[in-house]
């Protein structure tokens, strides 16, 4: 089910403020095994499971931003637990459900199995998968973005700025949304430069910088000179590989984190799942929860799809904004391909 983004001005403002900060003021980090706080009277209680640390300046940081948004916009009691191992997530879902949380969110498709399993055990608790396609038409729902539309923009930058004609992307694990992510990037690169040679790989781990650095170096050895990522802490390994090789640049993601390595980060894809969470929370508040899956397109009112740096040529950035507008209007249709490369 494709949906347009519908959010209040407050949600947009909260997100805009959070996205500009490298250390956003979010909800607290909670250990669900020890938390004994009593539920707030008539206050919505939401817990978010993150697979890494919010210090990644990326995907997990946006989970922290989501908690801040829930507190600001809905007056919710929002908390999150970092570094949850996906294979052990069912236990964390259970602990929050037993504590009476109204909504427990798995921040990433890697938590889908845990949410589905525990959703059957706790029918009075709502479970939500982000970047996921799970649902049971009851208490388990999910949402995703048309991530390929955002990634098309990242690929466009790769295709426009490469000098070698070879570009690539390093990702963690392959599941439907991450496959769509990589295939969207590839499509954007080829749109910008039909002659570009594309290289893509999955390391099997979003968090491991060493694996990511090794994968990036392998691409560089093949001639790739502009790379992008779909990683958490692993992104730092890609950045380090670029720093170790002259003439190699990186497009990062989620937030404007170019200050980490301004000499190699050419731009960052401006994306987050945080604002879209407001739609699902509003459903819960309105007693309109459907237990279904929603997917949100790139909104016309979204900010620049790529945060600009001094390394990104002005003419490429202007072209990028034109492409972004065409995607949002539907003039450019980006195919969603959930096929993992090599399968």
C-alpha atoms as a PDB file:
ATOM      1  CA  UNK A   1       0.000   0.000   0.000  1.00  0.00           C
ATOM      2  CA  UNK A   2       1.621   3.234  -1.172  1.00  0.00           C
ATOM      3  CA  UNK A   3       0.886   6.353   0.838  1.00  0.00           C
ATOM      4  CA  UNK A   4       1.763   9.998   0.681  1.00  0.00           C
ATOM      5  CA  UNK A   5       3.387  11.496   3.750  1.00  0.00           C
ATOM      6  CA  UNK A   6       0.845  13.282   5.955  1.00  0.00           C
ATOM      7  CA  UNK A   7       2.374  14.935   8.994  1.00  0.00           C
ATOM      8  CA  UNK A   8       1.609  17.934  11.097  1.00  0.00           C
ATOM      9  CA  UNK A   9       3.792  21.012  10.976  1.00  0.00           C
ATOM     10  CA  UNK A  10       4.975  20.114  14.456  1.00  0.00           C
ATOM     11  CA  UNK A  11       6.363  16.774  13.334  1.00  0.00           C
ATOM     12  CA  UNK A  12       8.144  18.385  10.399  1.00  0.00           C
ATOM     13  CA  UNK A  13       9.606  21.088  12.634  1.00  0.00           C
ATOM     14  CA  UNK A  14      10.737  18.592  15.264  1.00  0.00           C
ATOM     15  CA  UNK A  15      12.421  16.461  12.627  1.00  0.00           C
ATOM     16  CA  UNK A  16      14.070  19.464  10.993  1.00  0.00           C
ATOM     17  CA  UNK A  17      15.604  20.517  14.284  1.00  0.00           C
ATOM     18  CA  UNK A  18      16.753  17.002  15.125  1.00  0.00           C
ATOM     19  CA  UNK A  19      18.252  16.390  11.700  1.00  0.00           C
ATOM     20  CA  UNK A  20      20.486  19.417  12.068  1.00  0.00           C
ATOM     21  CA  UNK A  21      22.048  18.167  15.280  1.00  0.00           C
ATOM     22  CA  UNK A  22      24.783  15.582  15.616  1.00  0.00           C
ATOM     23  CA  UNK A  23      23.654  14.875  19.170  1.00  0.00           C
ATOM     24  CA  UNK A  24      19.870  15.185  19.080  1.00  0.00           C
ATOM     25  CA  UNK A  25      17.976  15.444  22.337  1.00  0.00           C
ATOM     26  CA  UNK A  26      16.064  12.193  22.316  1.00  0.00           C
ATOM     27  CA  UNK A  27      14.350   9.900  24.729  1.00  0.00           C
ATOM     28  CA  UNK A  28      16.327   7.934  27.231  1.00  0.00           C
ATOM     29  CA  UNK A  29      18.255   4.758  26.662  1.00  0.00           C
ATOM     30  CA  UNK A  30      16.532   2.033  28.648  1.00  0.00           C
ATOM     31  CA  UNK A  31      17.501  -1.420  29.804  1.00  0.00           C
ATOM     32  CA  UNK A  32      14.103  -3.156  29.689  1.00  0.00           C
ATOM     33  CA  UNK A  33      15.281  -5.816  32.115  1.00  0.00           C
ATOM     34  CA  UNK A  34      15.730  -3.288  34.904  1.00  0.00           C
ATOM     35  CA  UNK A  35      13.251  -0.518  34.151  1.00  0.00           C
ATOM     36  CA  UNK A  36      10.566  -0.412  36.783  1.00  0.00           C
ATOM     37  CA  UNK A  37       8.975   2.946  36.096  1.00  0.00           C
ATOM     38  CA  UNK A  38       5.231   3.079  36.444  1.00  0.00           C
ATOM     39  CA  UNK A  39       3.289   3.970  33.298  1.00  0.00           C
ATOM     40  CA  UNK A  40       2.319   7.621  33.007  1.00  0.00           C
ATOM     41  CA  UNK A  41      -1.412   8.181  33.381  1.00  0.00           C
ATOM     42  CA  UNK A  42      -3.023   8.166  29.933  1.00  0.00           C
ATOM     43  CA  UNK A  43       0.401   8.715  28.387  1.00  0.00           C
ATOM     44  CA  UNK A  44       1.317   6.739  25.305  1.00  0.00           C
ATOM     45  CA  UNK A  45       4.366   4.568  26.007  1.00  0.00           C
ATOM     46  CA  UNK A  46       6.609   3.661  23.095  1.00  0.00           C
ATOM     47  CA  UNK A  47       9.865   1.683  23.027  1.00  0.00           C
ATOM     48  CA  UNK A  48      12.243   1.445  20.077  1.00  0.00           C
ATOM     49  CA  UNK A  49      14.790  -1.329  19.485  1.00  0.00           C
ATOM     50  CA  UNK A  50      17.989  -0.228  17.737  1.00  0.00           C
ATOM     51  CA  UNK A  51      20.597  -2.628  16.385  1.00  0.00           C
ATOM     52  CA  UNK A  52      23.509  -0.259  16.976  1.00  0.00           C
ATOM     53  CA  UNK A  53      24.510   2.882  18.826  1.00  0.00           C
ATOM     54  CA  UNK A  54      23.059   6.332  18.227  1.00  0.00           C
ATOM     55  CA  UNK A  55      26.610   7.632  17.922  1.00  0.00           C
ATOM     56  CA  UNK A  56      26.654   6.260  14.363  1.00  0.00           C
ATOM     57  CA  UNK A  57      25.462   9.675  13.133  1.00  0.00           C
ATOM     58  CA  UNK A  58      23.173   7.672  10.879  1.00  0.00           C
ATOM     59  CA  UNK A  59      20.393   5.090  11.006  1.00  0.00           C
ATOM     60  CA  UNK A  60      20.388   4.477  14.750  1.00  0.00           C
ATOM     61  CA  UNK A  61      20.649   8.192  15.424  1.00  0.00           C
ATOM     62  CA  UNK A  62      17.399   8.611  13.500  1.00  0.00           C
ATOM     63  CA  UNK A  63      15.798   6.157  15.939  1.00  0.00           C
ATOM     64  CA  UNK A  64      16.820   8.512  18.732  1.00  0.00           C
ATOM     65  CA  UNK A  65      15.335  11.393  16.736  1.00  0.00           C
ATOM     66  CA  UNK A  66      12.102   9.411  16.444  1.00  0.00           C
ATOM     67  CA  UNK A  67      11.885   9.120  20.232  1.00  0.00           C
ATOM     68  CA  UNK A  68      12.390  12.873  20.549  1.00  0.00           C
ATOM     69  CA  UNK A  69       9.667  13.502  17.984  1.00  0.00           C
ATOM     70  CA  UNK A  70       7.188  11.291  19.866  1.00  0.00           C
ATOM     71  CA  UNK A  71       7.824  13.155  23.091  1.00  0.00           C
ATOM     72  CA  UNK A  72       7.579  16.587  21.461  1.00  0.00           C
ATOM     73  CA  UNK A  73       4.615  16.014  19.166  1.00  0.00           C
ATOM     74  CA  UNK A  74       2.515  13.512  21.106  1.00  0.00           C
ATOM     75  CA  UNK A  75       3.623  13.940  24.710  1.00  0.00           C
ATOM     76  CA  UNK A  76       4.539  10.265  24.704  1.00  0.00           C
ATOM     77  CA  UNK A  77       6.883   8.479  27.052  1.00  0.00           C
ATOM     78  CA  UNK A  78       9.438   7.299  24.516  1.00  0.00           C
ATOM     79  CA  UNK A  79      12.548   5.241  25.124  1.00  0.00           C
ATOM     80  CA  UNK A  80      14.987   3.129  23.145  1.00  0.00           C
ATOM     81  CA  UNK A  81      17.452   0.306  23.649  1.00  0.00           C
ATOM     82  CA  UNK A  82      20.692   0.350  21.671  1.00  0.00           C
ATOM     83  CA  UNK A  83      22.766  -2.514  20.276  1.00  0.00           C
ATOM     84  CA  UNK A  84      20.018  -5.131  20.268  1.00  0.00           C
ATOM     85  CA  UNK A  85      21.198  -8.301  18.542  1.00  0.00           C
ATOM     86  CA  UNK A  86      18.469  -9.108  15.985  1.00  0.00           C
ATOM     87  CA  UNK A  87      18.518 -12.842  16.748  1.00  0.00           C
ATOM     88  CA  UNK A  88      17.851 -12.009  20.414  1.00  0.00           C
ATOM     89  CA  UNK A  89      15.300  -9.263  19.803  1.00  0.00           C
ATOM     90  CA  UNK A  90      12.275 -11.373  20.748  1.00  0.00           C
ATOM     91  CA  UNK A  91      13.375 -11.251  24.390  1.00  0.00           C
ATOM     92  CA  UNK A  92      13.561  -7.439  24.324  1.00  0.00           C
ATOM     93  CA  UNK A  93      10.159  -7.175  22.631  1.00  0.00           C
ATOM     94  CA  UNK A  94       8.721  -9.410  25.366  1.00  0.00           C
ATOM     95  CA  UNK A  95      10.250  -7.380  28.179  1.00  0.00           C
ATOM     96  CA  UNK A  96       8.734  -4.143  26.932  1.00  0.00           C
ATOM     97  CA  UNK A  97       5.370  -5.830  26.348  1.00  0.00           C
ATOM     98  CA  UNK A  98       5.346  -7.177  29.909  1.00  0.00           C
ATOM     99  CA  UNK A  99       6.051  -3.674  31.212  1.00  0.00           C
ATOM    100  CA  UNK A 100       2.876  -2.421  29.576  1.00  0.00           C
ATOM    101  CA  UNK A 101       4.271  -0.420  26.688  1.00  0.00           C
ATOM    102  CA  UNK A 102       1.579   0.429  24.143  1.00  0.00           C
ATOM    103  CA  UNK A 103       3.849   0.238  21.098  1.00  0.00           C
ATOM    104  CA  UNK A 104       7.180  -1.518  20.592  1.00  0.00           C
ATOM    105  CA  UNK A 105       9.093  -0.638  17.430  1.00  0.00           C
ATOM    106  CA  UNK A 106      11.786  -2.658  15.683  1.00  0.00           C
ATOM    107  CA  UNK A 107      13.978  -0.029  13.998  1.00  0.00           C
ATOM    108  CA  UNK A 108      15.032  -2.040  10.958  1.00  0.00           C
ATOM    109  CA  UNK A 109      13.921  -5.010   8.888  1.00  0.00           C
ATOM    110  CA  UNK A 110      16.334  -7.237  10.815  1.00  0.00           C
ATOM    111  CA  UNK A 111      13.842  -7.163  13.730  1.00  0.00           C
ATOM    112  CA  UNK A 112      10.903  -8.456  11.669  1.00  0.00           C
ATOM    113  CA  UNK A 113      11.005 -12.060  12.886  1.00  0.00           C
ATOM    114  CA  UNK A 114      11.198 -11.034  16.536  1.00  0.00           C
ATOM    115  CA  UNK A 115       8.249  -8.660  16.224  1.00  0.00           C
ATOM    116  CA  UNK A 116       6.072 -11.239  14.486  1.00  0.00           C
ATOM    117  CA  UNK A 117       6.873 -13.929  17.045  1.00  0.00           C
ATOM    118  CA  UNK A 118       6.156 -11.773  20.085  1.00  0.00           C
ATOM    119  CA  UNK A 119       3.146 -10.140  18.434  1.00  0.00           C
ATOM    120  CA  UNK A 120       1.360 -13.477  18.606  1.00  0.00           C
ATOM    121  CA  UNK A 121       2.188 -13.827  22.299  1.00  0.00           C
ATOM    122  CA  UNK A 122       0.995 -10.338  23.323  1.00  0.00           C
ATOM    123  CA  UNK A 123      -2.145  -9.534  21.284  1.00  0.00           C
ATOM    124  CA  UNK A 124      -2.916  -6.451  23.409  1.00  0.00           C
ATOM    125  CA  UNK A 125       0.431  -4.808  22.643  1.00  0.00           C
ATOM    126  CA  UNK A 126       1.109  -3.140  19.310  1.00  0.00           C
ATOM    127  CA  UNK A 127       4.297  -3.982  17.416  1.00  0.00           C
ATOM    128  CA  UNK A 128       5.692  -2.053  14.488  1.00  0.00           C
ATOM    129  CA  UNK A 129       8.403  -2.988  12.017  1.00  0.00           C
ATOM    130  CA  UNK A 130      10.299  -0.120  10.387  1.00  0.00           C
ATOM    131  CA  UNK A 131      11.887  -0.752   7.000  1.00  0.00           C
ATOM    132  CA  UNK A 132       9.859  -3.939   7.025  1.00  0.00           C
ATOM    133  CA  UNK A 133       6.857  -5.600   5.412  1.00  0.00           C
ATOM    134  CA  UNK A 134       5.407  -7.553   8.341  1.00  0.00           C
ATOM    135  CA  UNK A 135       1.719  -7.449   9.332  1.00  0.00           C
ATOM    136  CA  UNK A 136      -0.981  -9.681  10.773  1.00  0.00           C
ATOM    137  CA  UNK A 137      -4.068  -7.478  10.258  1.00  0.00           C
ATOM    138  CA  UNK A 138      -4.231  -7.113  14.022  1.00  0.00           C
ATOM    139  CA  UNK A 139      -1.547  -5.862  16.423  1.00  0.00           C
ATOM    140  CA  UNK A 140       1.513  -6.160  14.151  1.00  0.00           C
ATOM    141  CA  UNK A 141       2.089  -3.579  11.415  1.00  0.00           C
ATOM    142  CA  UNK A 142       5.000  -2.127   9.479  1.00  0.00           C
ATOM    143  CA  UNK A 143       6.032   0.675   7.235  1.00  0.00           C
ATOM    144  CA  UNK A 144       8.785   1.405   4.801  1.00  0.00           C
ATOM    145  CA  UNK A 145       9.693   4.229   2.491  1.00  0.00           C
ATOM    146  CA  UNK A 146      10.135   3.974  -1.230  1.00  0.00           C
ATOM    147  CA  UNK A 147      13.812   4.015  -0.332  1.00  0.00           C
ATOM    148  CA  UNK A 148      14.781   3.476  -3.936  1.00  0.00           C
ATOM    149  CA  UNK A 149      13.619   7.042  -4.663  1.00  0.00           C
ATOM    150  CA  UNK A 150      16.005   8.539  -2.121  1.00  0.00           C
ATOM    151  CA  UNK A 151      18.827   6.244  -3.215  1.00  0.00           C
ATOM    152  CA  UNK A 152      18.319   7.151  -6.851  1.00  0.00           C
ATOM    153  CA  UNK A 153      19.586  10.596  -5.835  1.00  0.00           C
ATOM    154  CA  UNK A 154      22.676   9.118  -4.167  1.00  0.00           C
ATOM    155  CA  UNK A 155      23.388   7.118  -7.292  1.00  0.00           C
ATOM    156  CA  UNK A 156      22.909  10.225  -9.412  1.00  0.00           C
ATOM    157  CA  UNK A 157      25.701  11.938  -7.480  1.00  0.00           C
ATOM    158  CA  UNK A 158      27.950   8.901  -7.919  1.00  0.00           C
ATOM    159  CA  UNK A 159      27.344   8.819 -11.661  1.00  0.00           C
ATOM    160  CA  UNK A 160      27.882  12.560 -12.101  1.00  0.00           C
ATOM    161  CA  UNK A 161      31.066  12.866 -10.057  1.00  0.00           C
ATOM    162  CA  UNK A 162      33.041   9.739 -10.947  1.00  0.00           C
ATOM    163  CA  UNK A 163      36.165  10.285 -12.985  1.00  0.00           C
ATOM    164  CA  UNK A 164      37.073   6.609 -13.381  1.00  0.00           C
ATOM    165  CA  UNK A 165      33.602   5.583 -14.532  1.00  0.00           C
ATOM    166  CA  UNK A 166      33.378   3.008 -11.723  1.00  0.00           C
ATOM    167  CA  UNK A 167      31.234   3.474  -8.622  1.00  0.00           C
ATOM    168  CA  UNK A 168      29.948   1.241  -5.843  1.00  0.00           C
ATOM    169  CA  UNK A 169      27.942   0.714  -2.692  1.00  0.00           C
ATOM    170  CA  UNK A 170      28.732  -1.235   0.468  1.00  0.00           C
ATOM    171  CA  UNK A 171      25.771  -2.496   2.483  1.00  0.00           C
ATOM    172  CA  UNK A 172      25.274  -4.770   5.488  1.00  0.00           C
ATOM    173  CA  UNK A 173      22.628  -7.473   5.220  1.00  0.00           C
ATOM    174  CA  UNK A 174      20.355  -8.061   2.257  1.00  0.00           C
ATOM    175  CA  UNK A 175      16.609  -8.124   2.822  1.00  0.00           C
ATOM    176  CA  UNK A 176      13.856  -6.536   0.681  1.00  0.00           C
ATOM    177  CA  UNK A 177      14.346  -2.892   1.700  1.00  0.00           C
ATOM    178  CA  UNK A 178      18.153  -3.018   1.580  1.00  0.00           C
ATOM    179  CA  UNK A 179      18.010  -4.706  -1.818  1.00  0.00           C
ATOM    180  CA  UNK A 180      15.684  -1.916  -3.000  1.00  0.00           C
ATOM    181  CA  UNK A 181      18.164   0.536  -1.516  1.00  0.00           C
ATOM    182  CA  UNK A 182      21.091  -0.797  -3.523  1.00  0.00           C
ATOM    183  CA  UNK A 183      19.161  -1.295  -6.741  1.00  0.00           C
ATOM    184  CA  UNK A 184      17.804   2.251  -6.474  1.00  0.00           C
ATOM    185  CA  UNK A 185      21.347   3.593  -6.123  1.00  0.00           C
ATOM    186  CA  UNK A 186      22.457   1.635  -9.162  1.00  0.00           C
ATOM    187  CA  UNK A 187      19.523   2.981 -11.196  1.00  0.00           C
ATOM    188  CA  UNK A 188      20.398   6.560 -10.265  1.00  0.00           C
ATOM    189  CA  UNK A 189      24.042   6.092 -11.209  1.00  0.00           C
ATOM    190  CA  UNK A 190      23.093   4.694 -14.608  1.00  0.00           C
ATOM    191  CA  UNK A 191      20.562   7.487 -15.150  1.00  0.00           C
ATOM    192  CA  UNK A 192      23.321  10.043 -14.571  1.00  0.00           C
ATOM    193  CA  UNK A 193      25.886   8.149 -16.627  1.00  0.00           C
ATOM    194  CA  UNK A 194      24.727   5.185 -18.753  1.00  0.00           C
ATOM    195  CA  UNK A 195      28.340   4.109 -19.239  1.00  0.00           C
ATOM    196  CA  UNK A 196      29.142   3.841 -15.537  1.00  0.00           C
ATOM    197  CA  UNK A 197      30.338   0.505 -14.173  1.00  0.00           C
ATOM    198  CA  UNK A 198      28.484  -0.443 -10.999  1.00  0.00           C
ATOM    199  CA  UNK A 199      29.840  -2.557  -8.131  1.00  0.00           C
ATOM    200  CA  UNK A 200      27.715  -3.532  -5.120  1.00  0.00           C
ATOM    201  CA  UNK A 201      28.333  -5.799  -2.145  1.00  0.00           C
ATOM    202  CA  UNK A 202      26.918  -6.860   1.220  1.00  0.00           C
ATOM    203  CA  UNK A 203      29.348  -7.468   4.072  1.00  0.00           C
ATOM    204  CA  UNK A 204      26.812  -9.297   6.263  1.00  0.00           C
ATOM    205  CA  UNK A 205      27.238  -6.759   9.073  1.00  0.00           C
ATOM    206  CA  UNK A 206      25.974  -3.177   9.378  1.00  0.00           C
ATOM    207  CA  UNK A 207      28.226  -2.415  12.343  1.00  0.00           C
ATOM    208  CA  UNK A 208      31.688  -3.799  11.517  1.00  0.00           C
ATOM    209  CA  UNK A 209      34.021  -1.056  10.175  1.00  0.00           C
ATOM    210  CA  UNK A 210      36.772  -3.570   9.358  1.00  0.00           C
ATOM    211  CA  UNK A 211      34.569  -5.592   7.026  1.00  0.00           C
ATOM    212  CA  UNK A 212      33.299  -2.409   5.424  1.00  0.00           C
ATOM    213  CA  UNK A 213      36.804  -1.039   4.937  1.00  0.00           C
ATOM    214  CA  UNK A 214      37.938  -4.273   3.321  1.00  0.00           C
ATOM    215  CA  UNK A 215      34.940  -4.250   0.971  1.00  0.00           C
ATOM    216  CA  UNK A 216      35.524  -0.612   0.081  1.00  0.00           C
ATOM    217  CA  UNK A 217      39.208  -1.211  -0.573  1.00  0.00           C
ATOM    218  CA  UNK A 218      38.343  -4.096  -2.874  1.00  0.00           C
ATOM    219  CA  UNK A 219      36.120  -1.759  -4.896  1.00  0.00           C
ATOM    220  CA  UNK A 220      38.805   0.918  -4.974  1.00  0.00           C
ATOM    221  CA  UNK A 221      41.304  -1.678  -6.201  1.00  0.00           C
ATOM    222  CA  UNK A 222      38.864  -2.366  -9.048  1.00  0.00           C
ATOM    223  CA  UNK A 223      38.930   1.311  -9.962  1.00  0.00           C
ATOM    224  CA  UNK A 224      35.886   2.715  -8.141  1.00  0.00           C
ATOM    225  CA  UNK A 225      36.455   6.316  -7.097  1.00  0.00           C
ATOM    226  CA  UNK A 226      33.055   7.301  -5.629  1.00  0.00           C
ATOM    227  CA  UNK A 227      31.312   5.063  -3.083  1.00  0.00           C
ATOM    228  CA  UNK A 228      28.167   5.154  -1.006  1.00  0.00           C
ATOM    229  CA  UNK A 229      26.960   3.035   1.881  1.00  0.00           C
ATOM    230  CA  UNK A 230      23.997   1.460   3.613  1.00  0.00           C
ATOM    231  CA  UNK A 231      25.671   0.837   6.974  1.00  0.00           C
ATOM    232  CA  UNK A 232      25.619   1.947  10.604  1.00  0.00           C
ATOM    233  CA  UNK A 233      28.981   2.055  12.402  1.00  0.00           C
ATOM    234  CA  UNK A 234      30.449   0.307   9.374  1.00  0.00           C
ATOM    235  CA  UNK A 235      30.393   3.582   7.464  1.00  0.00           C
ATOM    236  CA  UNK A 236      33.536   4.670   9.269  1.00  0.00           C
ATOM    237  CA  UNK A 237      35.433   1.822   7.608  1.00  0.00           C
ATOM    238  CA  UNK A 238      34.389   3.054   4.169  1.00  0.00           C
ATOM    239  CA  UNK A 239      35.422   6.589   5.046  1.00  0.00           C
ATOM    240  CA  UNK A 240      38.802   5.334   6.255  1.00  0.00           C
ATOM    241  CA  UNK A 241      39.336   3.464   2.998  1.00  0.00           C
ATOM    242  CA  UNK A 242      38.619   6.633   1.052  1.00  0.00           C
ATOM    243  CA  UNK A 243      41.011   8.603   3.239  1.00  0.00           C
ATOM    244  CA  UNK A 244      43.737   6.069   2.479  1.00  0.00           C
ATOM    245  CA  UNK A 245      43.385   6.427  -1.286  1.00  0.00           C
ATOM    246  CA  UNK A 246      43.827   9.648  -3.255  1.00  0.00           C
ATOM    247  CA  UNK A 247      40.899  10.779  -5.360  1.00  0.00           C
ATOM    248  CA  UNK A 248      38.256   8.590  -3.698  1.00  0.00           C
ATOM    249  CA  UNK A 249      35.069  10.142  -2.317  1.00  0.00           C
ATOM    250  CA  UNK A 250      32.070   8.926  -0.316  1.00  0.00           C
ATOM    251  CA  UNK A 251      28.368   9.772  -0.223  1.00  0.00           C
ATOM    252  CA  UNK A 252      27.195   8.922   3.290  1.00  0.00           C
ATOM    253  CA  UNK A 253      23.579   8.757   4.447  1.00  0.00           C
ATOM    254  CA  UNK A 254      20.890   9.746   6.950  1.00  0.00           C
ATOM    255  CA  UNK A 255      22.375  12.991   8.310  1.00  0.00           C
ATOM    256  CA  UNK A 256      24.795  15.711   7.285  1.00  0.00           C
ATOM    257  CA  UNK A 257      27.845  14.032   8.813  1.00  0.00           C
ATOM    258  CA  UNK A 258      30.388  15.490   6.400  1.00  0.00           C
ATOM    259  CA  UNK A 259      32.312  17.068   9.276  1.00  0.00           C
ATOM    260  CA  UNK A 260      33.543  13.562  10.141  1.00  0.00           C
ATOM    261  CA  UNK A 261      35.790  13.626   7.072  1.00  0.00           C
ATOM    262  CA  UNK A 262      35.235  16.787   5.009  1.00  0.00           C
ATOM    263  CA  UNK A 263      38.107  15.900   2.673  1.00  0.00           C
ATOM    264  CA  UNK A 264      36.350  12.766   1.321  1.00  0.00           C
ATOM    265  CA  UNK A 265      32.606  13.027   2.098  1.00  0.00           C
ATOM    266  CA  UNK A 266      31.143  14.641  -0.990  1.00  0.00           C
ATOM    267  CA  UNK A 267      27.547  14.599   0.258  1.00  0.00           C
ATOM    268  CA  UNK A 268      25.054  12.681   2.395  1.00  0.00           C
ATOM    269  CA  UNK A 269      21.661  11.275   1.497  1.00  0.00           C
ATOM    270  CA  UNK A 270      18.997  13.091   3.496  1.00  0.00           C
ATOM    271  CA  UNK A 271      16.683  10.331   4.643  1.00  0.00           C
ATOM    272  CA  UNK A 272      15.081   9.078   7.828  1.00  0.00           C
ATOM    273  CA  UNK A 273      12.182   6.897   8.893  1.00  0.00           C
ATOM    274  CA  UNK A 274      11.484   9.096  11.922  1.00  0.00           C
ATOM    275  CA  UNK A 275       8.829  11.486  10.535  1.00  0.00           C
ATOM    276  CA  UNK A 276       6.743   8.657   9.107  1.00  0.00           C
ATOM    277  CA  UNK A 277       6.383   7.094  12.545  1.00  0.00           C
ATOM    278  CA  UNK A 278       3.956   9.909  13.349  1.00  0.00           C
ATOM    279  CA  UNK A 279       1.430   8.421  10.932  1.00  0.00           C
ATOM    280  CA  UNK A 280       1.391   5.064  12.698  1.00  0.00           C
ATOM    281  CA  UNK A 281       1.255   6.635  16.162  1.00  0.00           C
ATOM    282  CA  UNK A 282      -1.688   8.785  15.097  1.00  0.00           C
ATOM    283  CA  UNK A 283      -3.469   5.638  13.928  1.00  0.00           C
ATOM    284  CA  UNK A 284      -2.950   4.166  17.381  1.00  0.00           C
ATOM    285  CA  UNK A 285      -4.218   7.293  19.135  1.00  0.00           C
ATOM    286  CA  UNK A 286      -7.268   7.475  16.862  1.00  0.00           C
ATOM    287  CA  UNK A 287      -8.022   3.781  17.444  1.00  0.00           C
ATOM    288  CA  UNK A 288      -7.542   3.308  13.701  1.00  0.00           C
ATOM    289  CA  UNK A 289      -4.646   0.851  13.809  1.00  0.00           C
ATOM    290  CA  UNK A 290      -4.986  -1.592  10.919  1.00  0.00           C
ATOM    291  CA  UNK A 291      -2.157  -4.068  11.386  1.00  0.00           C
ATOM    292  CA  UNK A 292      -1.098  -3.573   7.786  1.00  0.00           C
ATOM    293  CA  UNK A 293       1.937  -2.398   5.838  1.00  0.00           C
ATOM    294  CA  UNK A 294       2.373   1.129   4.473  1.00  0.00           C
ATOM    295  CA  UNK A 295       5.015   2.527   2.167  1.00  0.00           C
ATOM    296  CA  UNK A 296       5.728   6.230   1.852  1.00  0.00           C
ATOM    297  CA  UNK A 297       6.956   7.996  -1.262  1.00  0.00           C
ATOM    298  CA  UNK A 298       9.521  10.795  -1.357  1.00  0.00           C
ATOM    299  CA  UNK A 299       7.462  13.860  -0.362  1.00  0.00           C
ATOM    300  CA  UNK A 300       7.501  16.970  -2.503  1.00  0.00           C
ATOM    301  CA  UNK A 301       8.205  19.067   0.603  1.00  0.00           C
ATOM    302  CA  UNK A 302      11.264  17.053   1.622  1.00  0.00           C
ATOM    303  CA  UNK A 303      14.494  19.011   1.994  1.00  0.00           C
ATOM    304  CA  UNK A 304      17.367  18.505  -0.424  1.00  0.00           C
ATOM    305  CA  UNK A 305      17.737  14.796  -1.095  1.00  0.00           C
ATOM    306  CA  UNK A 306      21.493  15.155  -0.718  1.00  0.00           C
ATOM    307  CA  UNK A 307      23.100  17.395   1.865  1.00  0.00           C
ATOM    308  CA  UNK A 308      25.555  19.533  -0.097  1.00  0.00           C
ATOM    309  CA  UNK A 309      29.211  19.949   0.753  1.00  0.00           C
ATOM    310  CA  UNK A 310      31.914  22.120  -0.793  1.00  0.00           C
ATOM    311  CA  UNK A 311      33.133  19.032  -2.656  1.00  0.00           C
ATOM    312  CA  UNK A 312      29.845  18.627  -4.525  1.00  0.00           C
ATOM    313  CA  UNK A 313      29.847  20.853  -7.645  1.00  0.00           C
ATOM    314  CA  UNK A 314      27.086  23.453  -7.730  1.00  0.00           C
ATOM    315  CA  UNK A 315      25.878  22.392 -11.175  1.00  0.00           C
ATOM    316  CA  UNK A 316      25.543  18.759 -10.072  1.00  0.00           C
ATOM    317  CA  UNK A 317      23.586  19.855  -6.997  1.00  0.00           C
ATOM    318  CA  UNK A 318      21.214  21.935  -9.121  1.00  0.00           C
ATOM    319  CA  UNK A 319      20.654  18.996 -11.478  1.00  0.00           C
ATOM    320  CA  UNK A 320      20.047  16.795  -8.444  1.00  0.00           C
ATOM    321  CA  UNK A 321      17.280  19.085  -7.171  1.00  0.00           C
ATOM    322  CA  UNK A 322      15.615  18.936 -10.583  1.00  0.00           C
ATOM    323  CA  UNK A 323      15.752  15.142 -10.567  1.00  0.00           C
ATOM    324  CA  UNK A 324      14.373  15.078  -7.029  1.00  0.00           C
ATOM    325  CA  UNK A 325      11.417  17.238  -8.051  1.00  0.00           C
ATOM    326  CA  UNK A 326      10.699  14.937 -10.981  1.00  0.00           C
ATOM    327  CA  UNK A 327      10.730  11.882  -8.709  1.00  0.00           C
ATOM    328  CA  UNK A 328       8.379  13.523  -6.217  1.00  0.00           C
ATOM    329  CA  UNK A 329       5.990  14.534  -9.002  1.00  0.00           C
ATOM    330  CA  UNK A 330       6.074  11.114 -10.624  1.00  0.00           C
ATOM    331  CA  UNK A 331       7.717  12.327 -13.813  1.00  0.00           C
ATOM    332  CA  UNK A 332      10.639  10.035 -13.053  1.00  0.00           C
ATOM    333  CA  UNK A 333       9.431   6.649 -11.872  1.00  0.00           C
ATOM    334  CA  UNK A 334      12.010   4.658  -9.934  1.00  0.00           C
ATOM    335  CA  UNK A 335      11.409   0.917 -10.107  1.00  0.00           C
ATOM    336  CA  UNK A 336      11.467  -0.948  -6.796  1.00  0.00           C
ATOM    337  CA  UNK A 337      13.639  -4.036  -7.198  1.00  0.00           C
ATOM    338  CA  UNK A 338      13.863  -6.183  -4.066  1.00  0.00           C
ATOM    339  CA  UNK A 339      16.163  -8.746  -5.658  1.00  0.00           C
ATOM    340  CA  UNK A 340      19.410  -9.188  -3.774  1.00  0.00           C
ATOM    341  CA  UNK A 341      22.334  -8.822  -6.191  1.00  0.00           C
ATOM    342  CA  UNK A 342      23.575 -12.229  -7.231  1.00  0.00           C
ATOM    343  CA  UNK A 343      20.229 -13.955  -6.627  1.00  0.00           C
END
